[in-house]
Each structure stands twice: as C-alpha cells, then as structure tokens.
Amino acid sequence: MGENHSFRSYNDEQPNQLRLLIMLHNIGATESSKALTIQQISEWTRMEAPELQGHLQKLITSGYAQSFRSEETDKYHLTIDGIRKVLSLYS
C-alpha cells in the first residue's frame, strides 16, 4: 500500500511540474536574459512561492530549468533540455 501512496503522490506532483515547465516556455523564460523571479513566476502560474520553489528545484534537478543570482535575487529559466521537453509534448 505504501508503494501505491508514493505512486499517487508522484502523479499528483507531476502535472504541476509539467504545467510549470510549459508555462515557463510559453511566457518566454527560455534563456538567462529572460529569466524570471519567483514572484514573477508566481503571478503567472498562480502557485504559492513555497510550492513553486519545490517544483522549480525538481525541474533543476531534472536538467529542465536553471537558476542564477542577479541583483541579490534568484532568477529561473528553462534549459535547452527543458525547451526540448516542452516541444516534444507538441509533436
């Protein structure tokens, strides 16, 4: 039963990560010069910052997103692998 719960939790999180990946692509956060802050991404996605940070971290770990610090603020954008992932959903 524990495995089923883990599977369900994974499936519950997956759509939000996928939605976030697609949203970052659609709003143009596809390179460092177009990177967005947590607050900006939160406004677009209507996700709360703590939840958003968790999903972004998973996208970074997967190689689909990247973060960097600019003017003492963390900014996020998709990597080329993240862009490819989104585009593969449409093909």
PDB file of N, CA and C in Angstrom:
ATOM      1  N   MET A   1       0.811  -1.195   0.000  1.00  0.00           N
ATOM      2  CA  MET A   1       0.000   0.000   0.000  1.00  0.00           C
ATOM      3  C   MET A   1       0.860   1.267   0.000  1.00  0.00           C
ATOM      4  N   GLY A   2       2.009   1.229   0.668  1.00  0.00           N
ATOM      5  CA  GLY A   2       2.904   2.374   0.681  1.00  0.00           C
ATOM      6  C   GLY A   2       3.373   2.737  -0.710  1.00  0.00           C
ATOM      7  N   GLU A   3       3.606   1.728  -1.551  1.00  0.00           N
ATOM      8  CA  GLU A   3       4.040   1.997  -2.920  1.00  0.00           C
ATOM      9  C   GLU A   3       2.942   2.721  -3.684  1.00  0.00           C
ATOM     10  N   ASN A   4       1.701   2.321  -3.487  1.00  0.00           N
ATOM     11  CA  ASN A   4       0.585   2.964  -4.163  1.00  0.00           C
ATOM     12  C   ASN A   4       0.498   4.436  -3.752  1.00  0.00           C
ATOM     13  N   HIS A   5       0.708   4.700  -2.453  1.00  0.00           N
ATOM     14  CA  HIS A   5       0.672   6.084  -1.975  1.00  0.00           C
ATOM     15  C   HIS A   5       1.788   6.904  -2.627  1.00  0.00           C
ATOM     16  N   SER A   6       2.995   6.334  -2.722  1.00  0.00           N
ATOM     17  CA  SER A   6       4.107   7.038  -3.355  1.00  0.00           C
ATOM     18  C   SER A   6       3.788   7.312  -4.814  1.00  0.00           C
ATOM     19  N   PHE A   7       3.209   6.334  -5.478  1.00  0.00           N
ATOM     20  CA  PHE A   7       2.847   6.481  -6.875  1.00  0.00           C
ATOM     21  C   PHE A   7       1.819   7.600  -7.023  1.00  0.00           C
ATOM     22  N   ARG A   8       0.843   7.617  -6.161  1.00  0.00           N
ATOM     23  CA  ARG A   8      -0.200   8.646  -6.220  1.00  0.00           C
ATOM     24  C   ARG A   8       0.407  10.019  -5.960  1.00  0.00           C
ATOM     25  N   SER A   9       1.297  10.147  -4.976  1.00  0.00           N
ATOM     26  CA  SER A   9       1.927  11.428  -4.676  1.00  0.00           C
ATOM     27  C   SER A   9       2.738  11.912  -5.863  1.00  0.00           C
ATOM     28  N   TYR A  10       3.459  10.993  -6.496  1.00  0.00           N
ATOM     29  CA  TYR A  10       4.256  11.355  -7.663  1.00  0.00           C
ATOM     30  C   TYR A  10       3.351  11.868  -8.773  1.00  0.00           C
ATOM     31  N   ASN A  11       2.257  11.166  -9.017  1.00  0.00           N
ATOM     32  CA  ASN A  11       1.338  11.580 -10.079  1.00  0.00           C
ATOM     33  C   ASN A  11       0.668  12.905  -9.763  1.00  0.00           C
ATOM     34  N   ASP A  12       0.405  13.168  -8.488  1.00  0.00           N
ATOM     35  CA  ASP A  12      -0.211  14.436  -8.110  1.00  0.00           C
ATOM     36  C   ASP A  12       0.740  15.609  -8.355  1.00  0.00           C
ATOM     37  N   GLU A  13       2.048  15.398  -8.141  1.00  0.00           N
ATOM     38  CA  GLU A  13       3.015  16.462  -8.328  1.00  0.00           C
ATOM     39  C   GLU A  13       3.366  16.648  -9.797  1.00  0.00           C
ATOM     40  N   GLN A  14       3.384  15.583 -10.538  1.00  0.00           N
ATOM     41  CA  GLN A  14       3.834  15.621 -11.925  1.00  0.00           C
ATOM     42  C   GLN A  14       3.088  16.656 -12.779  1.00  0.00           C
ATOM     43  N   PRO A  15       1.761  16.723 -12.734  1.00  0.00           N
ATOM     44  CA  PRO A  15       1.062  17.721 -13.567  1.00  0.00           C
ATOM     45  C   PRO A  15       1.482  19.148 -13.248  1.00  0.00           C
ATOM     46  N   ASN A  16       1.742  19.461 -11.978  1.00  0.00           N
ATOM     47  CA  ASN A  16       2.162  20.813 -11.621  1.00  0.00           C
ATOM     48  C   ASN A  16       3.539  21.131 -12.174  1.00  0.00           C
ATOM     49  N   GLN A  17       4.446  20.154 -12.146  1.00  0.00           N
ATOM     50  CA  GLN A  17       5.776  20.379 -12.707  1.00  0.00           C
ATOM     51  C   GLN A  17       5.692  20.538 -14.215  1.00  0.00           C
ATOM     52  N   LEU A  18       4.886  19.734 -14.850  1.00  0.00           N
ATOM     53  CA  LEU A  18       4.706  19.823 -16.291  1.00  0.00           C
ATOM     54  C   LEU A  18       4.046  21.154 -16.653  1.00  0.00           C
ATOM     55  N   ARG A  19       3.045  21.534 -15.899  1.00  0.00           N
ATOM     56  CA  ARG A  19       2.367  22.815 -16.116  1.00  0.00           C
ATOM     57  C   ARG A  19       3.349  23.976 -15.975  1.00  0.00           C
ATOM     58  N   LEU A  20       4.199  23.890 -14.976  1.00  0.00           N
ATOM     59  CA  LEU A  20       5.203  24.929 -14.743  1.00  0.00           C
ATOM     60  C   LEU A  20       6.205  24.971 -15.897  1.00  0.00           C
ATOM     61  N   LEU A  21       6.637  23.821 -16.346  1.00  0.00           N
ATOM     62  CA  LEU A  21       7.565  23.739 -17.471  1.00  0.00           C
ATOM     63  C   LEU A  21       6.963  24.391 -18.713  1.00  0.00           C
ATOM     64  N   ILE A  22       5.731  24.049 -19.015  1.00  0.00           N
ATOM     65  CA  ILE A  22       5.040  24.621 -20.179  1.00  0.00           C
ATOM     66  C   ILE A  22       4.834  26.124 -20.002  1.00  0.00           C
ATOM     67  N   MET A  23       4.451  26.536 -18.797  1.00  0.00           N
ATOM     68  CA  MET A  23       4.220  27.957 -18.530  1.00  0.00           C
ATOM     69  C   MET A  23       5.506  28.767 -18.702  1.00  0.00           C
ATOM     70  N   LEU A  24       6.626  28.259 -18.187  1.00  0.00           N
ATOM     71  CA  LEU A  24       7.897  28.967 -18.348  1.00  0.00           C
ATOM     72  C   LEU A  24       8.244  29.117 -19.827  1.00  0.00           C
ATOM     73  N   HIS A  25       7.956  28.085 -20.589  1.00  0.00           N
ATOM     74  CA  HIS A  25       8.201  28.148 -22.031  1.00  0.00           C
ATOM     75  C   HIS A  25       7.279  29.185 -22.683  1.00  0.00           C
ATOM     76  N   ASN A  26       6.012  29.114 -22.370  1.00  0.00           N
ATOM     77  CA  ASN A  26       5.031  29.999 -23.011  1.00  0.00           C
ATOM     78  C   ASN A  26       5.231  31.474 -22.686  1.00  0.00           C
ATOM     79  N   ILE A  27       5.746  31.768 -21.502  1.00  0.00           N
ATOM     80  CA  ILE A  27       5.968  33.177 -21.147  1.00  0.00           C
ATOM     81  C   ILE A  27       7.366  33.642 -21.544  1.00  0.00           C
ATOM     82  N   GLY A  28       8.134  32.749 -22.150  1.00  0.00           N
ATOM     83  CA  GLY A  28       9.408  33.148 -22.733  1.00  0.00           C
ATOM     84  C   GLY A  28      10.620  33.088 -21.835  1.00  0.00           C
ATOM     85  N   ALA A  29      10.536  32.405 -20.704  1.00  0.00           N
ATOM     86  CA  ALA A  29      11.695  32.277 -19.813  1.00  0.00           C
ATOM     87  C   ALA A  29      12.600  31.162 -20.338  1.00  0.00           C
ATOM     88  N   THR A  30      13.189  31.425 -21.499  1.00  0.00           N
ATOM     89  CA  THR A  30      13.929  30.388 -22.216  1.00  0.00           C
ATOM     90  C   THR A  30      15.431  30.651 -22.296  1.00  0.00           C
ATOM     91  N   GLU A  31      15.887  31.698 -21.655  1.00  0.00           N
ATOM     92  CA  GLU A  31      17.315  31.988 -21.597  1.00  0.00           C
ATOM     93  C   GLU A  31      17.565  32.937 -20.432  1.00  0.00           C
ATOM     94  N   SER A  32      18.824  33.081 -20.049  1.00  0.00           N
ATOM     95  CA  SER A  32      19.147  33.871 -18.854  1.00  0.00           C
ATOM     96  C   SER A  32      18.687  35.323 -18.947  1.00  0.00           C
ATOM     97  N   SER A  33      18.725  35.910 -20.132  1.00  0.00           N
ATOM     98  CA  SER A  33      18.295  37.309 -20.257  1.00  0.00           C
ATOM     99  C   SER A  33      16.784  37.471 -20.086  1.00  0.00           C
ATOM    100  N   LYS A  34      16.044  36.365 -20.146  1.00  0.00           N
ATOM    101  CA  LYS A  34      14.585  36.407 -19.979  1.00  0.00           C
ATOM    102  C   LYS A  34      14.135  35.678 -18.710  1.00  0.00           C
ATOM    103  N   ALA A  35      15.083  35.403 -17.821  1.00  0.00           N
ATOM    104  CA  ALA A  35      14.782  34.692 -16.586  1.00  0.00           C
ATOM    105  C   ALA A  35      13.849  35.507 -15.697  1.00  0.00           C
ATOM    106  N   LEU A  36      13.071  34.795 -14.886  1.00  0.00           N
ATOM    107  CA  LEU A  36      12.076  35.430 -14.018  1.00  0.00           C
ATOM    108  C   LEU A  36      12.326  35.081 -12.552  1.00  0.00           C
ATOM    109  N   THR A  37      11.872  35.965 -11.671  1.00  0.00           N
ATOM    110  CA  THR A  37      11.961  35.716 -10.230  1.00  0.00           C
ATOM    111  C   THR A  37      10.802  34.816  -9.790  1.00  0.00           C
ATOM    112  N   ILE A  38      10.910  34.311  -8.585  1.00  0.00           N
ATOM    113  CA  ILE A  38       9.829  33.503  -8.002  1.00  0.00           C
ATOM    114  C   ILE A  38       8.531  34.305  -8.006  1.00  0.00           C
ATOM    115  N   GLN A  39       8.602  35.572  -7.643  1.00  0.00           N
ATOM    116  CA  GLN A  39       7.401  36.400  -7.576  1.00  0.00           C
ATOM    117  C   GLN A  39       6.751  36.536  -8.955  1.00  0.00           C
ATOM    118  N   GLN A  40       7.565  36.752  -9.976  1.00  0.00           N
ATOM    119  CA  GLN A  40       7.017  36.875 -11.327  1.00  0.00           C
ATOM    120  C   GLN A  40       6.389  35.565 -11.793  1.00  0.00           C
ATOM    121  N   ILE A  41       7.073  34.458 -11.536  1.00  0.00           N
ATOM    122  CA  ILE A  41       6.538  33.151 -11.935  1.00  0.00           C
ATOM    123  C   ILE A  41       5.260  32.852 -11.162  1.00  0.00           C
ATOM    124  N   SER A  42       5.227  33.224  -9.896  1.00  0.00           N
ATOM    125  CA  SER A  42       4.044  33.016  -9.062  1.00  0.00           C
ATOM    126  C   SER A  42       2.834  33.758  -9.625  1.00  0.00           C
ATOM    127  N   GLU A  43       3.046  34.975 -10.102  1.00  0.00           N
ATOM    128  CA  GLU A  43       1.949  35.747 -10.692  1.00  0.00           C
ATOM    129  C   GLU A  43       1.391  35.055 -11.940  1.00  0.00           C
ATOM    130  N   TRP A  44       2.274  34.504 -12.764  1.00  0.00           N
ATOM    131  CA  TRP A  44       1.838  33.839 -13.993  1.00  0.00           C
ATOM    132  C   TRP A  44       1.145  32.507 -13.716  1.00  0.00           C
ATOM    133  N   THR A  45       1.663  31.757 -12.736  1.00  0.00           N
ATOM    134  CA  THR A  45       1.171  30.395 -12.509  1.00  0.00           C
ATOM    135  C   THR A  45       0.096  30.303 -11.437  1.00  0.00           C
ATOM    136  N   ARG A  46      -0.026  31.353 -10.637  1.00  0.00           N
ATOM    137  CA  ARG A  46      -0.956  31.349  -9.503  1.00  0.00           C
ATOM    138  C   ARG A  46      -0.594  30.281  -8.469  1.00  0.00           C
ATOM    139  N   MET A  47       0.689  29.934  -8.409  1.00  0.00           N
ATOM    140  CA  MET A  47       1.185  28.995  -7.401  1.00  0.00           C
ATOM    141  C   MET A  47       1.838  29.803  -6.285  1.00  0.00           C
ATOM    142  N   GLU A  48       1.734  29.299  -5.074  1.00  0.00           N
ATOM    143  CA  GLU A  48       2.387  29.942  -3.943  1.00  0.00           C
ATOM    144  C   GLU A  48       3.895  29.697  -4.022  1.00  0.00           C
ATOM    145  N   ALA A  49       4.675  30.660  -3.546  1.00  0.00           N
ATOM    146  CA  ALA A  49       6.135  30.599  -3.646  1.00  0.00           C
ATOM    147  C   ALA A  49       6.749  29.302  -3.090  1.00  0.00           C
ATOM    148  N   PRO A  50       6.356  28.822  -1.897  1.00  0.00           N
ATOM    149  CA  PRO A  50       6.987  27.587  -1.388  1.00  0.00           C
ATOM    150  C   PRO A  50       6.742  26.375  -2.305  1.00  0.00           C
ATOM    151  N   GLU A  51       5.520  26.229  -2.798  1.00  0.00           N
ATOM    152  CA  GLU A  51       5.201  25.130  -3.710  1.00  0.00           C
ATOM    153  C   GLU A  51       5.992  25.298  -5.006  1.00  0.00           C
ATOM    154  N   LEU A  52       6.037  26.504  -5.482  1.00  0.00           N
ATOM    155  CA  LEU A  52       6.743  26.827  -6.718  1.00  0.00           C
ATOM    156  C   LEU A  52       8.224  26.497  -6.600  1.00  0.00           C
ATOM    157  N   GLN A  53       8.831  26.860  -5.488  1.00  0.00           N
ATOM    158  CA  GLN A  53      10.248  26.585  -5.275  1.00  0.00           C
ATOM    159  C   GLN A  53      10.524  25.079  -5.294  1.00  0.00           C
ATOM    160  N   GLY A  54       9.635  24.296  -4.712  1.00  0.00           N
ATOM    161  CA  GLY A  54       9.799  22.843  -4.722  1.00  0.00           C
ATOM    162  C   GLY A  54       9.762  22.282  -6.138  1.00  0.00           C
ATOM    163  N   HIS A  55       8.797  22.747  -6.923  1.00  0.00           N
ATOM    164  CA  HIS A  55       8.679  22.282  -8.308  1.00  0.00           C
ATOM    165  C   HIS A  55       9.860  22.754  -9.153  1.00  0.00           C
ATOM    166  N   LEU A  56      10.282  23.997  -8.951  1.00  0.00           N
ATOM    167  CA  LEU A  56      11.434  24.505  -9.692  1.00  0.00           C
ATOM    168  C   LEU A  56      12.688  23.699  -9.366  1.00  0.00           C
ATOM    169  N   GLN A  57      12.851  23.358  -8.088  1.00  0.00           N
ATOM    170  CA  GLN A  57      14.023  22.576  -7.699  1.00  0.00           C
ATOM    171  C   GLN A  57      14.026  21.215  -8.389  1.00  0.00           C
ATOM    172  N   LYS A  58      12.861  20.602  -8.515  1.00  0.00           N
ATOM    173  CA  LYS A  58      12.771  19.311  -9.211  1.00  0.00           C
ATOM    174  C   LYS A  58      13.070  19.473 -10.698  1.00  0.00           C
ATOM    175  N   LEU A  59      12.626  20.570 -11.290  1.00  0.00           N
ATOM    176  CA  LEU A  59      12.939  20.831 -12.703  1.00  0.00           C
ATOM    177  C   LEU A  59      14.437  21.075 -12.887  1.00  0.00           C
ATOM    178  N   ILE A  60      15.059  21.749 -11.937  1.00  0.00           N
ATOM    179  CA  ILE A  60      16.502  21.985 -11.986  1.00  0.00           C
ATOM    180  C   ILE A  60      17.246  20.661 -11.862  1.00  0.00           C
ATOM    181  N   THR A  61      16.827  19.830 -10.909  1.00  0.00           N
ATOM    182  CA  THR A  61      17.446  18.521 -10.711  1.00  0.00           C
ATOM    183  C   THR A  61      17.320  17.655 -11.959  1.00  0.00           C
ATOM    184  N   SER A  62      16.197  17.783 -12.661  1.00  0.00           N
ATOM    185  CA  SER A  62      15.965  17.021 -13.889  1.00  0.00           C
ATOM    186  C   SER A  62      16.719  17.605 -15.089  1.00  0.00           C
ATOM    187  N   GLY A  63      17.285  18.777 -14.921  1.00  0.00           N
ATOM    188  CA  GLY A  63      18.018  19.418 -16.004  1.00  0.00           C
ATOM    189  C   GLY A  63      17.146  20.248 -16.929  1.00  0.00           C
ATOM    190  N   TYR A  64      15.892  20.492 -16.532  1.00  0.00           N
ATOM    191  CA  TYR A  64      14.957  21.232 -17.374  1.00  0.00           C
ATOM    192  C   TYR A  64      14.941  22.734 -17.099  1.00  0.00           C
ATOM    193  N   ALA A  65      15.452  23.142 -15.962  1.00  0.00           N
ATOM    194  CA  ALA A  65      15.484  24.561 -15.598  1.00  0.00           C
ATOM    195  C   ALA A  65      16.826  24.881 -14.959  1.00  0.00           C
ATOM    196  N   GLN A  66      17.110  26.159 -14.889  1.00  0.00           N
ATOM    197  CA  GLN A  66      18.368  26.617 -14.309  1.00  0.00           C
ATOM    198  C   GLN A  66      18.078  27.868 -13.500  1.00  0.00           C
ATOM    199  N   SER A  67      18.854  28.062 -12.451  1.00  0.00           N
ATOM    200  CA  SER A  67      18.701  29.289 -11.660  1.00  0.00           C
ATOM    201  C   SER A  67      20.046  29.986 -11.563  1.00  0.00           C
ATOM    202  N   PHE A  68      19.991  31.278 -11.330  1.00  0.00           N
ATOM    203  CA  PHE A  68      21.197  32.056 -11.076  1.00  0.00           C
ATOM    204  C   PHE A  68      20.798  33.269 -10.249  1.00  0.00           C
ATOM    205  N   ARG A  69      21.796  33.895  -9.667  1.00  0.00           N
ATOM    206  CA  ARG A  69      21.537  35.047  -8.805  1.00  0.00           C
ATOM    207  C   ARG A  69      21.857  36.325  -9.579  1.00  0.00           C
ATOM    208  N   SER A  70      20.901  37.255  -9.573  1.00  0.00           N
ATOM    209  CA  SER A  70      21.084  38.543 -10.237  1.00  0.00           C
ATOM    210  C   SER A  70      20.547  39.630  -9.316  1.00  0.00           C
ATOM    211  N   GLU A  71      21.394  40.596  -9.007  1.00  0.00           N
ATOM    212  CA  GLU A  71      20.988  41.684  -8.117  1.00  0.00           C
ATOM    213  C   GLU A  71      20.363  41.160  -6.831  1.00  0.00           C
ATOM    214  N   GLU A  72      21.021  40.170  -6.246  1.00  0.00           N
ATOM    215  CA  GLU A  72      20.612  39.553  -4.977  1.00  0.00           C
ATOM    216  C   GLU A  72      19.257  38.864  -5.036  1.00  0.00           C
ATOM    217  N   THR A  73      18.820  38.498  -6.230  1.00  0.00           N
ATOM    218  CA  THR A  73      17.555  37.791  -6.410  1.00  0.00           C
ATOM    219  C   THR A  73      17.789  36.567  -7.284  1.00  0.00           C
ATOM    220  N   ASP A  74      17.193  35.444  -6.890  1.00  0.00           N
ATOM    221  CA  ASP A  74      17.291  34.249  -7.724  1.00  0.00           C
ATOM    222  C   ASP A  74      16.338  34.381  -8.898  1.00  0.00           C
ATOM    223  N   LYS A  75      16.828  34.012 -10.072  1.00  0.00           N
ATOM    224  CA  LYS A  75      16.010  34.020 -11.284  1.00  0.00           C
ATOM    225  C   LYS A  75      16.082  32.648 -11.929  1.00  0.00           C
ATOM    226  N   TYR A  76      15.026  32.315 -12.673  1.00  0.00           N
ATOM    227  CA  TYR A  76      14.891  30.979 -13.244  1.00  0.00           C
ATOM    228  C   TYR A  76      14.534  31.053 -14.722  1.00  0.00           C
ATOM    229  N   HIS A  77      15.061  30.081 -15.471  1.00  0.00           N
ATOM    230  CA  HIS A  77      14.709  29.950 -16.879  1.00  0.00           C
ATOM    231  C   HIS A  77      14.896  28.495 -17.297  1.00  0.00           C
ATOM    232  N   LEU A  78      14.321  28.147 -18.422  1.00  0.00           N
ATOM    233  CA  LEU A  78      14.449  26.795 -18.939  1.00  0.00           C
ATOM    234  C   LEU A  78      15.826  26.582 -19.551  1.00  0.00           C
ATOM    235  N   THR A  79      16.281  25.345 -19.510  1.00  0.00           N
ATOM    236  CA  THR A  79      17.489  24.954 -20.217  1.00  0.00           C
ATOM    237  C   THR A  79      17.070  24.474 -21.605  1.00  0.00           C
ATOM    238  N   ILE A  80      18.032  24.189 -22.437  1.00  0.00           N
ATOM    239  CA  ILE A  80      17.711  23.658 -23.761  1.00  0.00           C
ATOM    240  C   ILE A  80      16.955  22.331 -23.629  1.00  0.00           C
ATOM    241  N   ASP A  81      17.305  21.524 -22.615  1.00  0.00           N
ATOM    242  CA  ASP A  81      16.577  20.263 -22.389  1.00  0.00           C
ATOM    243  C   ASP A  81      15.135  20.523 -21.972  1.00  0.00           C
ATOM    244  N   GLY A  82      14.911  21.580 -21.201  1.00  0.00           N
ATOM    245  CA  GLY A  82      13.551  21.939 -20.808  1.00  0.00           C
ATOM    246  C   GLY A  82      12.729  22.379 -22.004  1.00  0.00           C
ATOM    247  N   ILE A  83      13.361  23.147 -22.885  1.00  0.00           N
ATOM    248  CA  ILE A  83      12.675  23.589 -24.104  1.00  0.00           C
ATOM    249  C   ILE A  83      12.342  22.384 -24.977  1.00  0.00           C
ATOM    250  N   ARG A  84      13.307  21.476 -25.120  1.00  0.00           N
ATOM    251  CA  ARG A  84      13.068  20.257 -25.916  1.00  0.00           C
ATOM    252  C   ARG A  84      11.936  19.427 -25.327  1.00  0.00           C
ATOM    253  N   LYS A  85      11.898  19.331 -24.000  1.00  0.00           N
ATOM    254  CA  LYS A  85      10.832  18.564 -23.337  1.00  0.00           C
ATOM    255  C   LYS A  85       9.469  19.144 -23.671  1.00  0.00           C
ATOM    256  N   VAL A  86       9.326  20.443 -23.582  1.00  0.00           N
ATOM    257  CA  VAL A  86       8.061  21.098 -23.888  1.00  0.00           C
ATOM    258  C   VAL A  86       7.697  20.858 -25.355  1.00  0.00           C
ATOM    259  N   LEU A  87       8.648  21.085 -26.245  1.00  0.00           N
ATOM    260  CA  LEU A  87       8.378  20.919 -27.668  1.00  0.00           C
ATOM    261  C   LEU A  87       8.031  19.479 -28.008  1.00  0.00           C
ATOM    262  N   SER A  88       8.594  18.520 -27.285  1.00  0.00           N
ATOM    263  CA  SER A  88       8.277  17.106 -27.555  1.00  0.00           C
ATOM    264  C   SER A  88       6.829  16.776 -27.184  1.00  0.00           C
ATOM    265  N   LEU A  89       6.241  17.557 -26.312  1.00  0.00           N
ATOM    266  CA  LEU A  89       4.841  17.333 -25.932  1.00  0.00           C
ATOM    267  C   LEU A  89       3.898  17.680 -27.077  1.00  0.00           C
ATOM    268  N   TYR A  90       4.353  18.554 -27.960  1.00  0.00           N
ATOM    269  CA  TYR A  90       3.518  19.009 -29.063  1.00  0.00           C
ATOM    270  C   TYR A  90       3.727  18.217 -30.342  1.00  0.00           C
ATOM    271  N   SER A  91       4.698  17.311 -30.336  1.00  0.00           N
ATOM    272  CA  SER A  91       4.960  16.560 -31.574  1.00  0.00           C
ATOM    273  C   SER A  91       4.365  15.163 -31.532  1.00  0.00           C
TER     274      SER A  91
END
